[in-house]
């Protein structure tokens, strides 16, 4: 029989374990029934409260930083505060642009171009961006770039120079033509504005287009040289000799004028109208036909009343017998008519 069990008829005593449990619970209350916390709990709560008071205001006062890897106009501003990022962008933006124009290097600062960066808006976007974002920098220029580019064009553009015609030793001579250059202004304005917004900039190479001369030694047209004394007409293609013709020129009383002229009109089957001159008084206009003194072709010169034309009077060719015009055999006048243009230069010399 277990000796630990109570004897019959004897009330059992209270269980020890249950008593100790209630005793530990009673330790949490004072005599008035008010709950009391252990000292360790109170100290822990106090430290947390003190720590919260100390750290709360500091976290609230710390300025926000831009996320890591964010760039503005290519400039890395990640981890910077608003103030630091603004200063960095301003400093980078103020740096001069380098322009290459041919062999010339030009440095120009954004303020000369009238460029103003919109930094505040870029900073706002940078603060709200995800890490690694690329934020563009807005820039206002108000036409300053275009004005600067126009000034560059005025300084560096060069017009093309055409070959110039003159007479040397009774033959045509042409100077060498020269190509010009013209700045691509629209492209220059675009490229400069792109680099202004880039902040981290690369040199800008401005494009100059080549301007070809209209008249060259190779494409120069026909040239006529008339030697009055020898009554000969020479045709050249530019400076290259092509053909000569016997002609009649003006008599001493009505000499063919000397100088440099050009063909101003070409007529097929022309009418002849009497000029205002004593020798033509009383004469009437003559229609096209075999009796027309101009033959079948008229090439009028810039010298008033003077031209190159055919004549039915073949016997006059080779002599100074006209009233100032240059006469040719009709078939030769027709051939020449087809090989010259309005604007063709005509030199008349005394030789």
C-alpha atoms as a PDB file:
ATOM      1  CA  UNK A   1       0.000   0.000   0.000  1.00  0.00           C
ATOM      2  CA  UNK A   2       1.402   3.386  -1.100  1.00  0.00           C
ATOM      3  CA  UNK A   3       2.380   5.383   1.979  1.00  0.00           C
ATOM      4  CA  UNK A   4       1.961   8.692   0.063  1.00  0.00           C
ATOM      5  CA  UNK A   5      -1.802   8.298  -0.265  1.00  0.00           C
ATOM      6  CA  UNK A   6      -3.883   9.764   2.672  1.00  0.00           C
ATOM      7  CA  UNK A   7      -5.417   7.484   5.112  1.00  0.00           C
ATOM      8  CA  UNK A   8      -9.068   6.736   4.772  1.00  0.00           C
ATOM      9  CA  UNK A   9     -11.316   9.273   6.427  1.00  0.00           C
ATOM     10  CA  UNK A  10      -8.569  11.912   6.456  1.00  0.00           C
ATOM     11  CA  UNK A  11      -9.001  14.886   4.205  1.00  0.00           C
ATOM     12  CA  UNK A  12      -6.323  15.311   1.603  1.00  0.00           C
ATOM     13  CA  UNK A  13      -4.122  18.407   1.815  1.00  0.00           C
ATOM     14  CA  UNK A  14      -3.894  20.959  -0.999  1.00  0.00           C
ATOM     15  CA  UNK A  15      -1.668  20.141  -4.010  1.00  0.00           C
ATOM     16  CA  UNK A  16       1.706  21.831  -3.742  1.00  0.00           C
ATOM     17  CA  UNK A  17       2.096  22.574  -7.410  1.00  0.00           C
ATOM     18  CA  UNK A  18      -1.190  24.436  -7.649  1.00  0.00           C
ATOM     19  CA  UNK A  19      -0.295  26.557  -4.639  1.00  0.00           C
ATOM     20  CA  UNK A  20       3.005  27.647  -6.058  1.00  0.00           C
ATOM     21  CA  UNK A  21       1.325  28.637  -9.307  1.00  0.00           C
ATOM     22  CA  UNK A  22      -1.098  30.941  -7.536  1.00  0.00           C
ATOM     23  CA  UNK A  23       1.684  32.334  -5.435  1.00  0.00           C
ATOM     24  CA  UNK A  24       3.641  33.386  -8.519  1.00  0.00           C
ATOM     25  CA  UNK A  25       0.521  34.992  -9.962  1.00  0.00           C
ATOM     26  CA  UNK A  26      -0.128  36.897  -6.737  1.00  0.00           C
ATOM     27  CA  UNK A  27       3.336  38.457  -6.960  1.00  0.00           C
ATOM     28  CA  UNK A  28       2.094  40.607  -9.922  1.00  0.00           C
ATOM     29  CA  UNK A  29      -0.439  42.512  -7.792  1.00  0.00           C
ATOM     30  CA  UNK A  30      -0.052  44.832  -4.779  1.00  0.00           C
ATOM     31  CA  UNK A  31      -2.209  44.689  -1.692  1.00  0.00           C
ATOM     32  CA  UNK A  32      -4.741  47.054  -3.213  1.00  0.00           C
ATOM     33  CA  UNK A  33      -5.276  44.738  -6.133  1.00  0.00           C
ATOM     34  CA  UNK A  34      -3.366  46.990  -8.531  1.00  0.00           C
ATOM     35  CA  UNK A  35      -1.296  45.087 -11.070  1.00  0.00           C
ATOM     36  CA  UNK A  36       2.454  45.560 -10.635  1.00  0.00           C
ATOM     37  CA  UNK A  37       5.000  44.845 -13.394  1.00  0.00           C
ATOM     38  CA  UNK A  38       8.345  43.335 -12.679  1.00  0.00           C
ATOM     39  CA  UNK A  39      11.302  45.723 -12.544  1.00  0.00           C
ATOM     40  CA  UNK A  40      12.935  44.197 -15.629  1.00  0.00           C
ATOM     41  CA  UNK A  41       9.837  44.866 -17.705  1.00  0.00           C
ATOM     42  CA  UNK A  42       9.615  48.450 -16.484  1.00  0.00           C
ATOM     43  CA  UNK A  43      13.259  49.123 -17.229  1.00  0.00           C
ATOM     44  CA  UNK A  44      12.924  47.622 -20.696  1.00  0.00           C
ATOM     45  CA  UNK A  45       9.863  49.718 -21.510  1.00  0.00           C
ATOM     46  CA  UNK A  46      11.612  52.845 -20.253  1.00  0.00           C
ATOM     47  CA  UNK A  47      14.627  52.279 -22.412  1.00  0.00           C
ATOM     48  CA  UNK A  48      12.448  51.787 -25.474  1.00  0.00           C
ATOM     49  CA  UNK A  49      10.604  55.000 -24.736  1.00  0.00           C
ATOM     50  CA  UNK A  50      13.825  56.939 -24.299  1.00  0.00           C
ATOM     51  CA  UNK A  51      15.271  55.427 -27.449  1.00  0.00           C
ATOM     52  CA  UNK A  52      12.143  56.311 -29.401  1.00  0.00           C
ATOM     53  CA  UNK A  53      12.294  59.902 -28.250  1.00  0.00           C
ATOM     54  CA  UNK A  54      15.928  60.130 -29.207  1.00  0.00           C
ATOM     55  CA  UNK A  55      15.708  58.528 -32.645  1.00  0.00           C
ATOM     56  CA  UNK A  56      12.310  59.734 -33.895  1.00  0.00           C
ATOM     57  CA  UNK A  57      13.144  63.412 -34.576  1.00  0.00           C
ATOM     58  CA  UNK A  58      16.535  62.526 -36.152  1.00  0.00           C
ATOM     59  CA  UNK A  59      14.929  60.252 -38.761  1.00  0.00           C
ATOM     60  CA  UNK A  60      12.365  62.891 -39.616  1.00  0.00           C
ATOM     61  CA  UNK A  61      15.037  65.600 -40.101  1.00  0.00           C
ATOM     62  CA  UNK A  62      17.335  63.531 -42.358  1.00  0.00           C
ATOM     63  CA  UNK A  63      17.068  64.849 -46.015  1.00  0.00           C
ATOM     64  CA  UNK A  64      15.870  62.412 -48.661  1.00  0.00           C
ATOM     65  CA  UNK A  65      18.470  61.017 -51.045  1.00  0.00           C
ATOM     66  CA  UNK A  66      18.042  60.259 -54.739  1.00  0.00           C
ATOM     67  CA  UNK A  67      17.959  56.508 -55.436  1.00  0.00           C
ATOM     68  CA  UNK A  68      21.213  54.827 -56.397  1.00  0.00           C
ATOM     69  CA  UNK A  69      22.178  54.867 -60.079  1.00  0.00           C
ATOM     70  CA  UNK A  70      19.783  57.642 -61.116  1.00  0.00           C
ATOM     71  CA  UNK A  71      21.186  60.087 -63.682  1.00  0.00           C
ATOM     72  CA  UNK A  72      20.045  63.527 -64.822  1.00  0.00           C
ATOM     73  CA  UNK A  73      21.112  64.351 -68.349  1.00  0.00           C
ATOM     74  CA  UNK A  74      23.723  61.604 -68.092  1.00  0.00           C
ATOM     75  CA  UNK A  75      25.145  62.914 -64.775  1.00  0.00           C
ATOM     76  CA  UNK A  76      25.085  60.384 -61.901  1.00  0.00           C
ATOM     77  CA  UNK A  77      23.217  61.917 -58.957  1.00  0.00           C
ATOM     78  CA  UNK A  78      22.409  58.686 -57.130  1.00  0.00           C
ATOM     79  CA  UNK A  79      22.711  58.956 -53.349  1.00  0.00           C
ATOM     80  CA  UNK A  80      22.812  62.776 -53.405  1.00  0.00           C
ATOM     81  CA  UNK A  81      20.435  65.042 -51.546  1.00  0.00           C
ATOM     82  CA  UNK A  82      18.283  67.528 -53.405  1.00  0.00           C
ATOM     83  CA  UNK A  83      20.672  70.357 -52.599  1.00  0.00           C
ATOM     84  CA  UNK A  84      23.785  68.425 -53.590  1.00  0.00           C
ATOM     85  CA  UNK A  85      22.224  67.117 -56.800  1.00  0.00           C
ATOM     86  CA  UNK A  86      21.070  70.605 -57.790  1.00  0.00           C
ATOM     87  CA  UNK A  87      24.564  72.003 -57.286  1.00  0.00           C
ATOM     88  CA  UNK A  88      26.132  69.159 -59.261  1.00  0.00           C
ATOM     89  CA  UNK A  89      23.763  69.593 -62.217  1.00  0.00           C
ATOM     90  CA  UNK A  90      24.246  73.376 -62.216  1.00  0.00           C
ATOM     91  CA  UNK A  91      28.026  73.029 -62.245  1.00  0.00           C
ATOM     92  CA  UNK A  92      28.017  70.425 -65.015  1.00  0.00           C
ATOM     93  CA  UNK A  93      25.528  72.383 -67.119  1.00  0.00           C
ATOM     94  CA  UNK A  94      27.619  75.565 -66.940  1.00  0.00           C
ATOM     95  CA  UNK A  95      30.611  73.848 -68.556  1.00  0.00           C
ATOM     96  CA  UNK A  96      31.355  75.081 -72.117  1.00  0.00           C
ATOM     97  CA  UNK A  97      30.358  73.152 -75.212  1.00  0.00           C
ATOM     98  CA  UNK A  98      33.139  72.326 -77.667  1.00  0.00           C
ATOM     99  CA  UNK A  99      32.243  72.776 -81.342  1.00  0.00           C
ATOM    100  CA  UNK A 100      34.344  71.588 -84.269  1.00  0.00           C
ATOM    101  CA  UNK A 101      33.850  73.539 -87.482  1.00  0.00           C
ATOM    102  CA  UNK A 102      36.294  72.328 -90.085  1.00  0.00           C
ATOM    103  CA  UNK A 103      39.738  72.788 -88.560  1.00  0.00           C
ATOM    104  CA  UNK A 104      38.439  75.369 -86.064  1.00  0.00           C
ATOM    105  CA  UNK A 105      37.548  74.521 -82.458  1.00  0.00           C
ATOM    106  CA  UNK A 106      35.019  76.796 -80.762  1.00  0.00           C
ATOM    107  CA  UNK A 107      34.084  76.831 -77.059  1.00  0.00           C
ATOM    108  CA  UNK A 108      30.806  78.415 -76.014  1.00  0.00           C
ATOM    109  CA  UNK A 109      29.103  78.438 -72.628  1.00  0.00           C
ATOM    110  CA  UNK A 110      25.362  77.762 -72.306  1.00  0.00           C
ATOM    111  CA  UNK A 111      24.659  81.266 -71.014  1.00  0.00           C
ATOM    112  CA  UNK A 112      25.961  82.738 -74.282  1.00  0.00           C
ATOM    113  CA  UNK A 113      23.382  80.589 -76.058  1.00  0.00           C
ATOM    114  CA  UNK A 114      20.658  81.849 -73.714  1.00  0.00           C
ATOM    115  CA  UNK A 115      20.141  78.306 -72.404  1.00  0.00           C
ATOM    116  CA  UNK A 116      18.482  77.839 -68.989  1.00  0.00           C
ATOM    117  CA  UNK A 117      18.200  74.372 -67.379  1.00  0.00           C
ATOM    118  CA  UNK A 118      14.938  73.297 -65.716  1.00  0.00           C
ATOM    119  CA  UNK A 119      16.646  71.599 -62.772  1.00  0.00           C
ATOM    120  CA  UNK A 120      13.848  71.571 -60.158  1.00  0.00           C
ATOM    121  CA  UNK A 121      11.586  69.429 -62.296  1.00  0.00           C
ATOM    122  CA  UNK A 122      14.411  66.985 -63.041  1.00  0.00           C
ATOM    123  CA  UNK A 123      15.253  66.685 -59.323  1.00  0.00           C
ATOM    124  CA  UNK A 124      11.603  65.953 -58.467  1.00  0.00           C
ATOM    125  CA  UNK A 125      11.514  63.168 -61.022  1.00  0.00           C
ATOM    126  CA  UNK A 126      14.853  61.817 -59.816  1.00  0.00           C
ATOM    127  CA  UNK A 127      13.644  61.574 -56.197  1.00  0.00           C
ATOM    128  CA  UNK A 128      10.604  59.566 -57.284  1.00  0.00           C
ATOM    129  CA  UNK A 129      12.483  57.394 -59.774  1.00  0.00           C
ATOM    130  CA  UNK A 130      13.437  53.760 -59.390  1.00  0.00           C
ATOM    131  CA  UNK A 131      17.164  53.018 -59.025  1.00  0.00           C
ATOM    132  CA  UNK A 132      19.111  53.211 -62.271  1.00  0.00           C
ATOM    133  CA  UNK A 133      16.643  55.539 -64.028  1.00  0.00           C
ATOM    134  CA  UNK A 134      17.829  58.070 -66.609  1.00  0.00           C
ATOM    135  CA  UNK A 135      16.085  61.406 -66.137  1.00  0.00           C
ATOM    136  CA  UNK A 136      16.273  63.939 -69.004  1.00  0.00           C
ATOM    137  CA  UNK A 137      17.137  67.551 -68.273  1.00  0.00           C
ATOM    138  CA  UNK A 138      14.805  70.103 -69.789  1.00  0.00           C
ATOM    139  CA  UNK A 139      16.466  73.190 -71.274  1.00  0.00           C
ATOM    140  CA  UNK A 140      14.921  76.409 -72.593  1.00  0.00           C
ATOM    141  CA  UNK A 141      16.889  78.241 -75.292  1.00  0.00           C
ATOM    142  CA  UNK A 142      14.485  80.887 -76.651  1.00  0.00           C
ATOM    143  CA  UNK A 143      16.193  81.068 -80.042  1.00  0.00           C
ATOM    144  CA  UNK A 144      19.648  81.759 -78.647  1.00  0.00           C
ATOM    145  CA  UNK A 145      21.190  78.698 -80.273  1.00  0.00           C
ATOM    146  CA  UNK A 146      19.757  79.574 -83.681  1.00  0.00           C
ATOM    147  CA  UNK A 147      21.099  83.126 -83.432  1.00  0.00           C
ATOM    148  CA  UNK A 148      24.562  81.869 -82.485  1.00  0.00           C
ATOM    149  CA  UNK A 149      24.576  79.410 -85.401  1.00  0.00           C
ATOM    150  CA  UNK A 150      23.594  82.190 -87.818  1.00  0.00           C
ATOM    151  CA  UNK A 151      26.580  84.193 -86.601  1.00  0.00           C
ATOM    152  CA  UNK A 152      28.830  81.195 -87.227  1.00  0.00           C
ATOM    153  CA  UNK A 153      27.445  80.880 -90.749  1.00  0.00           C
ATOM    154  CA  UNK A 154      28.095  84.560 -91.465  1.00  0.00           C
ATOM    155  CA  UNK A 155      31.692  84.128 -90.356  1.00  0.00           C
ATOM    156  CA  UNK A 156      32.594  80.749 -91.850  1.00  0.00           C
ATOM    157  CA  UNK A 157      30.396  80.293 -94.935  1.00  0.00           C
ATOM    158  CA  UNK A 158      32.145  80.861 -98.259  1.00  0.00           C
ATOM    159  CA  UNK A 159      30.329  81.303-101.569  1.00  0.00           C
ATOM    160  CA  UNK A 160      31.342  79.258-104.558  1.00  0.00           C
ATOM    161  CA  UNK A 161      33.436  81.128-107.130  1.00  0.00           C
ATOM    162  CA  UNK A 162      32.689  80.489-110.795  1.00  0.00           C
ATOM    163  CA  UNK A 163      35.347  80.302-113.460  1.00  0.00           C
ATOM    164  CA  UNK A 164      35.883  83.773-114.945  1.00  0.00           C
ATOM    165  CA  UNK A 165      36.329  84.408-118.656  1.00  0.00           C
ATOM    166  CA  UNK A 166      38.824  86.832-120.124  1.00  0.00           C
ATOM    167  CA  UNK A 167      40.823  87.220-123.330  1.00  0.00           C
ATOM    168  CA  UNK A 168      44.557  86.561-123.427  1.00  0.00           C
ATOM    169  CA  UNK A 169      46.559  86.757-126.649  1.00  0.00           C
ATOM    170  CA  UNK A 170      43.323  86.850-128.648  1.00  0.00           C
ATOM    171  CA  UNK A 171      42.130  83.574-127.107  1.00  0.00           C
ATOM    172  CA  UNK A 172      39.628  82.886-124.330  1.00  0.00           C
ATOM    173  CA  UNK A 173      41.128  82.224-120.896  1.00  0.00           C
ATOM    174  CA  UNK A 174      39.279  80.865-117.850  1.00  0.00           C
ATOM    175  CA  UNK A 175      40.268  81.215-114.201  1.00  0.00           C
ATOM    176  CA  UNK A 176      39.975  78.188-111.948  1.00  0.00           C
ATOM    177  CA  UNK A 177      36.647  77.823-110.217  1.00  0.00           C
ATOM    178  CA  UNK A 178      36.444  77.311-106.448  1.00  0.00           C
ATOM    179  CA  UNK A 179      33.894  75.395-104.432  1.00  0.00           C
ATOM    180  CA  UNK A 180      32.193  77.111-101.509  1.00  0.00           C
ATOM    181  CA  UNK A 181      30.981  75.865 -98.132  1.00  0.00           C
ATOM    182  CA  UNK A 182      27.729  76.410 -96.296  1.00  0.00           C
ATOM    183  CA  UNK A 183      26.960  75.520 -92.686  1.00  0.00           C
ATOM    184  CA  UNK A 184      24.033  73.169 -92.128  1.00  0.00           C
ATOM    185  CA  UNK A 185      22.307  75.548 -89.720  1.00  0.00           C
ATOM    186  CA  UNK A 186      19.284  73.389 -88.935  1.00  0.00           C
ATOM    187  CA  UNK A 187      21.453  70.386 -88.105  1.00  0.00           C
ATOM    188  CA  UNK A 188      23.818  72.532 -86.031  1.00  0.00           C
ATOM    189  CA  UNK A 189      20.991  73.946 -83.889  1.00  0.00           C
ATOM    190  CA  UNK A 190      19.622  70.442 -83.284  1.00  0.00           C
ATOM    191  CA  UNK A 191      22.983  68.923 -82.342  1.00  0.00           C
ATOM    192  CA  UNK A 192      23.908  71.783 -79.997  1.00  0.00           C
ATOM    193  CA  UNK A 193      20.547  71.636 -78.201  1.00  0.00           C
ATOM    194  CA  UNK A 194      20.906  67.870 -77.744  1.00  0.00           C
ATOM    195  CA  UNK A 195      24.296  68.347 -76.070  1.00  0.00           C
ATOM    196  CA  UNK A 196      22.964  71.159 -73.874  1.00  0.00           C
ATOM    197  CA  UNK A 197      20.418  68.750 -72.404  1.00  0.00           C
ATOM    198  CA  UNK A 198      22.997  65.966 -72.071  1.00  0.00           C
ATOM    199  CA  UNK A 199      24.972  67.769 -69.282  1.00  0.00           C
ATOM    200  CA  UNK A 200      27.734  65.160 -69.721  1.00  0.00           C
ATOM    201  CA  UNK A 201      28.682  66.384 -73.175  1.00  0.00           C
ATOM    202  CA  UNK A 202      30.637  65.314 -76.203  1.00  0.00           C
ATOM    203  CA  UNK A 203      32.156  67.693 -78.786  1.00  0.00           C
ATOM    204  CA  UNK A 204      29.750  68.705 -81.552  1.00  0.00           C
ATOM    205  CA  UNK A 205      31.019  68.430 -85.117  1.00  0.00           C
ATOM    206  CA  UNK A 206      29.183  70.978 -87.241  1.00  0.00           C
ATOM    207  CA  UNK A 207      28.562  70.023 -90.854  1.00  0.00           C
ATOM    208  CA  UNK A 208      29.528  72.307 -93.721  1.00  0.00           C
ATOM    209  CA  UNK A 209      28.041  71.330 -97.057  1.00  0.00           C
ATOM    210  CA  UNK A 210      30.099  71.800-100.201  1.00  0.00           C
ATOM    211  CA  UNK A 211      28.691  74.356-102.627  1.00  0.00           C
ATOM    212  CA  UNK A 212      29.588  73.590-106.214  1.00  0.00           C
ATOM    213  CA  UNK A 213      30.325  76.456-108.606  1.00  0.00           C
ATOM    214  CA  UNK A 214      27.851  76.779-111.452  1.00  0.00           C
ATOM    215  CA  UNK A 215      30.426  77.678-114.098  1.00  0.00           C
ATOM    216  CA  UNK A 216      33.629  75.691-114.367  1.00  0.00           C
ATOM    217  CA  UNK A 217      36.432  75.336-116.864  1.00  0.00           C
ATOM    218  CA  UNK A 218      34.890  72.039-117.889  1.00  0.00           C
ATOM    219  CA  UNK A 219      31.312  73.171-118.466  1.00  0.00           C
ATOM    220  CA  UNK A 220      31.938  76.652-119.857  1.00  0.00           C
ATOM    221  CA  UNK A 221      29.927  77.178-123.032  1.00  0.00           C
ATOM    222  CA  UNK A 222      30.784  78.646-126.431  1.00  0.00           C
ATOM    223  CA  UNK A 223      32.861  81.812-126.854  1.00  0.00           C
ATOM    224  CA  UNK A 224      33.164  83.894-130.040  1.00  0.00           C
ATOM    225  CA  UNK A 225      36.205  86.006-130.896  1.00  0.00           C
ATOM    226  CA  UNK A 226      35.860  88.319-133.915  1.00  0.00           C
ATOM    227  CA  UNK A 227      39.010  89.856-135.375  1.00  0.00           C
ATOM    228  CA  UNK A 228      37.782  92.956-137.103  1.00  0.00           C
ATOM    229  CA  UNK A 229      40.814  93.832-139.205  1.00  0.00           C
ATOM    230  CA  UNK A 230      41.284  90.298-140.543  1.00  0.00           C
ATOM    231  CA  UNK A 231      37.510  89.737-140.930  1.00  0.00           C
ATOM    232  CA  UNK A 232      37.489  86.408-139.191  1.00  0.00           C
ATOM    233  CA  UNK A 233      35.199  84.870-136.584  1.00  0.00           C
ATOM    234  CA  UNK A 234      36.593  82.172-134.244  1.00  0.00           C
ATOM    235  CA  UNK A 235      34.373  79.835-132.254  1.00  0.00           C
ATOM    236  CA  UNK A 236      35.661  78.242-129.032  1.00  0.00           C
ATOM    237  CA  UNK A 237      34.105  75.795-126.588  1.00  0.00           C
ATOM    238  CA  UNK A 238      35.349  77.314-123.377  1.00  0.00           C
ATOM    239  CA  UNK A 239      39.051  77.660-124.112  1.00  0.00           C
ATOM    240  CA  UNK A 240      39.116  74.917-126.748  1.00  0.00           C
ATOM    241  CA  UNK A 241      39.278  76.099-130.356  1.00  0.00           C
ATOM    242  CA  UNK A 242      36.523  74.681-132.530  1.00  0.00           C
ATOM    243  CA  UNK A 243      36.114  76.489-135.886  1.00  0.00           C
ATOM    244  CA  UNK A 244      36.654  79.794-137.726  1.00  0.00           C
ATOM    245  CA  UNK A 245      34.683  81.598-140.438  1.00  0.00           C
ATOM    246  CA  UNK A 246      35.371  84.393-142.896  1.00  0.00           C
ATOM    247  CA  UNK A 247      33.046  87.336-142.240  1.00  0.00           C
ATOM    248  CA  UNK A 248      32.375  90.903-143.330  1.00  0.00           C
ATOM    249  CA  UNK A 249      32.647  93.735-140.785  1.00  0.00           C
ATOM    250  CA  UNK A 250      31.771  97.414-140.719  1.00  0.00           C
ATOM    251  CA  UNK A 251      33.202  99.982-143.073  1.00  0.00           C
ATOM    252  CA  UNK A 252      35.233 102.877-141.715  1.00  0.00           C
ATOM    253  CA  UNK A 253      32.207 105.186-141.598  1.00  0.00           C
ATOM    254  CA  UNK A 254      30.163 102.588-139.666  1.00  0.00           C
ATOM    255  CA  UNK A 255      32.788 100.494-137.862  1.00  0.00           C
ATOM    256  CA  UNK A 256      31.949  97.349-135.960  1.00  0.00           C
ATOM    257  CA  UNK A 257      32.351  98.254-132.248  1.00  0.00           C
ATOM    258  CA  UNK A 258      35.231  96.809-130.253  1.00  0.00           C
ATOM    259  CA  UNK A 259      34.748  95.267-126.820  1.00  0.00           C
ATOM    260  CA  UNK A 260      33.106  92.456-124.919  1.00  0.00           C
ATOM    261  CA  UNK A 261      29.475  91.741-125.700  1.00  0.00           C
ATOM    262  CA  UNK A 262      26.992  88.898-125.472  1.00  0.00           C
ATOM    263  CA  UNK A 263      24.257  87.466-127.648  1.00  0.00           C
ATOM    264  CA  UNK A 264      20.933  88.781-126.360  1.00  0.00           C
ATOM    265  CA  UNK A 265      18.495  87.439-128.964  1.00  0.00           C
ATOM    266  CA  UNK A 266      18.306  84.744-131.644  1.00  0.00           C
ATOM    267  CA  UNK A 267      15.798  84.932-134.502  1.00  0.00           C
ATOM    268  CA  UNK A 268      15.074  82.478-137.273  1.00  0.00           C
ATOM    269  CA  UNK A 269      13.923  83.978-140.583  1.00  0.00           C
ATOM    270  CA  UNK A 270      14.013  87.517-139.221  1.00  0.00           C
ATOM    271  CA  UNK A 271      12.410  90.647-140.571  1.00  0.00           C
ATOM    272  CA  UNK A 272      14.754  93.496-141.435  1.00  0.00           C
ATOM    273  CA  UNK A 273      13.759  96.859-139.985  1.00  0.00           C
ATOM    274  CA  UNK A 274      15.549 100.020-141.105  1.00  0.00           C
ATOM    275  CA  UNK A 275      17.698 101.382-138.265  1.00  0.00           C
ATOM    276  CA  UNK A 276      17.627 104.981-137.146  1.00  0.00           C
ATOM    277  CA  UNK A 277      20.578 106.019-139.286  1.00  0.00           C
ATOM    278  CA  UNK A 278      21.094 108.351-142.269  1.00  0.00           C
ATOM    279  CA  UNK A 279      21.931 105.471-144.609  1.00  0.00           C
ATOM    280  CA  UNK A 280      18.541 103.758-143.904  1.00  0.00           C
ATOM    281  CA  UNK A 281      16.291 106.799-144.324  1.00  0.00           C
ATOM    282  CA  UNK A 282      13.276 106.140-146.517  1.00  0.00           C
ATOM    283  CA  UNK A 283      13.679 102.370-146.526  1.00  0.00           C
ATOM    284  CA  UNK A 284      10.889  99.999-145.549  1.00  0.00           C
ATOM    285  CA  UNK A 285      10.893  96.745-143.523  1.00  0.00           C
ATOM    286  CA  UNK A 286      11.730  93.607-145.482  1.00  0.00           C
ATOM    287  CA  UNK A 287      10.048  90.290-144.615  1.00  0.00           C
ATOM    288  CA  UNK A 288      11.874  86.937-144.532  1.00  0.00           C
ATOM    289  CA  UNK A 289      12.952  85.745-147.951  1.00  0.00           C
ATOM    290  CA  UNK A 290      15.815  85.728-150.445  1.00  0.00           C
ATOM    291  CA  UNK A 291      15.979  89.531-150.564  1.00  0.00           C
ATOM    292  CA  UNK A 292      16.242  89.947-146.792  1.00  0.00           C
ATOM    293  CA  UNK A 293      19.682  91.486-145.987  1.00  0.00           C
ATOM    294  CA  UNK A 294      19.853  89.441-142.748  1.00  0.00           C
ATOM    295  CA  UNK A 295      19.635  86.093-144.522  1.00  0.00           C
ATOM    296  CA  UNK A 296      17.875  83.412-142.497  1.00  0.00           C
ATOM    297  CA  UNK A 297      19.418  83.915-139.021  1.00  0.00           C
ATOM    298  CA  UNK A 298      19.949  86.859-136.698  1.00  0.00           C
ATOM    299  CA  UNK A 299      22.058  86.750-133.508  1.00  0.00           C
ATOM    300  CA  UNK A 300      21.666  90.174-131.937  1.00  0.00           C
ATOM    301  CA  UNK A 301      24.437  91.487-129.665  1.00  0.00           C
ATOM    302  CA  UNK A 302      24.301  93.661-126.585  1.00  0.00           C
ATOM    303  CA  UNK A 303      25.861  96.414-128.732  1.00  0.00           C
ATOM    304  CA  UNK A 304      22.831  98.429-129.961  1.00  0.00           C
ATOM    305  CA  UNK A 305      21.829  97.657-133.540  1.00  0.00           C
ATOM    306  CA  UNK A 306      24.707  95.219-134.104  1.00  0.00           C
ATOM    307  CA  UNK A 307      24.398  91.493-134.731  1.00  0.00           C
ATOM    308  CA  UNK A 308      25.823  88.446-136.456  1.00  0.00           C
ATOM    309  CA  UNK A 309      23.700  87.369-139.416  1.00  0.00           C
ATOM    310  CA  UNK A 310      23.679  85.716-142.801  1.00  0.00           C
ATOM    311  CA  UNK A 311      23.760  87.700-146.032  1.00  0.00           C
ATOM    312  CA  UNK A 312      22.660  87.024-149.610  1.00  0.00           C
ATOM    313  CA  UNK A 313      25.685  89.077-150.707  1.00  0.00           C
ATOM    314  CA  UNK A 314      28.354  86.376-150.590  1.00  0.00           C
ATOM    315  CA  UNK A 315      30.812  88.627-152.413  1.00  0.00           C
ATOM    316  CA  UNK A 316      31.011  90.965-149.405  1.00  0.00           C
ATOM    317  CA  UNK A 317      32.472  88.276-147.109  1.00  0.00           C
ATOM    318  CA  UNK A 318      36.076  89.005-146.190  1.00  0.00           C
ATOM    319  CA  UNK A 319      35.737  92.765-146.480  1.00  0.00           C
ATOM    320  CA  UNK A 320      34.862  95.716-144.250  1.00  0.00           C
ATOM    321  CA  UNK A 321      31.717  96.791-146.065  1.00  0.00           C
ATOM    322  CA  UNK A 322      28.796  96.475-143.611  1.00  0.00           C
ATOM    323  CA  UNK A 323      27.112  99.157-141.538  1.00  0.00           C
ATOM    324  CA  UNK A 324      28.556  97.659-138.341  1.00  0.00           C
ATOM    325  CA  UNK A 325      27.127  94.124-138.313  1.00  0.00           C
ATOM    326  CA  UNK A 326      29.059  90.913-138.823  1.00  0.00           C
ATOM    327  CA  UNK A 327      27.960  89.170-142.011  1.00  0.00           C
ATOM    328  CA  UNK A 328      28.362  85.461-142.733  1.00  0.00           C
ATOM    329  CA  UNK A 329      27.548  83.094-145.555  1.00  0.00           C
ATOM    330  CA  UNK A 330      23.977  81.945-144.938  1.00  0.00           C
ATOM    331  CA  UNK A 331      24.770  78.211-144.407  1.00  0.00           C
ATOM    332  CA  UNK A 332      27.565  79.102-142.001  1.00  0.00           C
ATOM    333  CA  UNK A 333      25.327  81.533-140.135  1.00  0.00           C
ATOM    334  CA  UNK A 334      22.757  78.756-139.771  1.00  0.00           C
ATOM    335  CA  UNK A 335      25.413  76.369-138.418  1.00  0.00           C
ATOM    336  CA  UNK A 336      26.708  78.948-135.942  1.00  0.00           C
ATOM    337  CA  UNK A 337      23.142  79.744-134.857  1.00  0.00           C
ATOM    338  CA  UNK A 338      22.755  76.124-133.710  1.00  0.00           C
ATOM    339  CA  UNK A 339      26.011  76.129-131.725  1.00  0.00           C
ATOM    340  CA  UNK A 340      25.676  79.298-129.653  1.00  0.00           C
ATOM    341  CA  UNK A 341      23.216  80.390-126.985  1.00  0.00           C
ATOM    342  CA  UNK A 342      21.598  83.543-125.734  1.00  0.00           C
ATOM    343  CA  UNK A 343      24.229  84.763-123.281  1.00  0.00           C
ATOM    344  CA  UNK A 344      27.225  83.580-125.308  1.00  0.00           C
ATOM    345  CA  UNK A 345      30.157  85.976-124.883  1.00  0.00           C
ATOM    346  CA  UNK A 346      31.421  87.744-128.027  1.00  0.00           C
ATOM    347  CA  UNK A 347      34.807  89.477-128.003  1.00  0.00           C
ATOM    348  CA  UNK A 348      35.430  91.892-130.875  1.00  0.00           C
ATOM    349  CA  UNK A 349      39.084  92.893-131.191  1.00  0.00           C
ATOM    350  CA  UNK A 350      40.942  95.106-133.627  1.00  0.00           C
ATOM    351  CA  UNK A 351      43.376  92.441-134.859  1.00  0.00           C
END
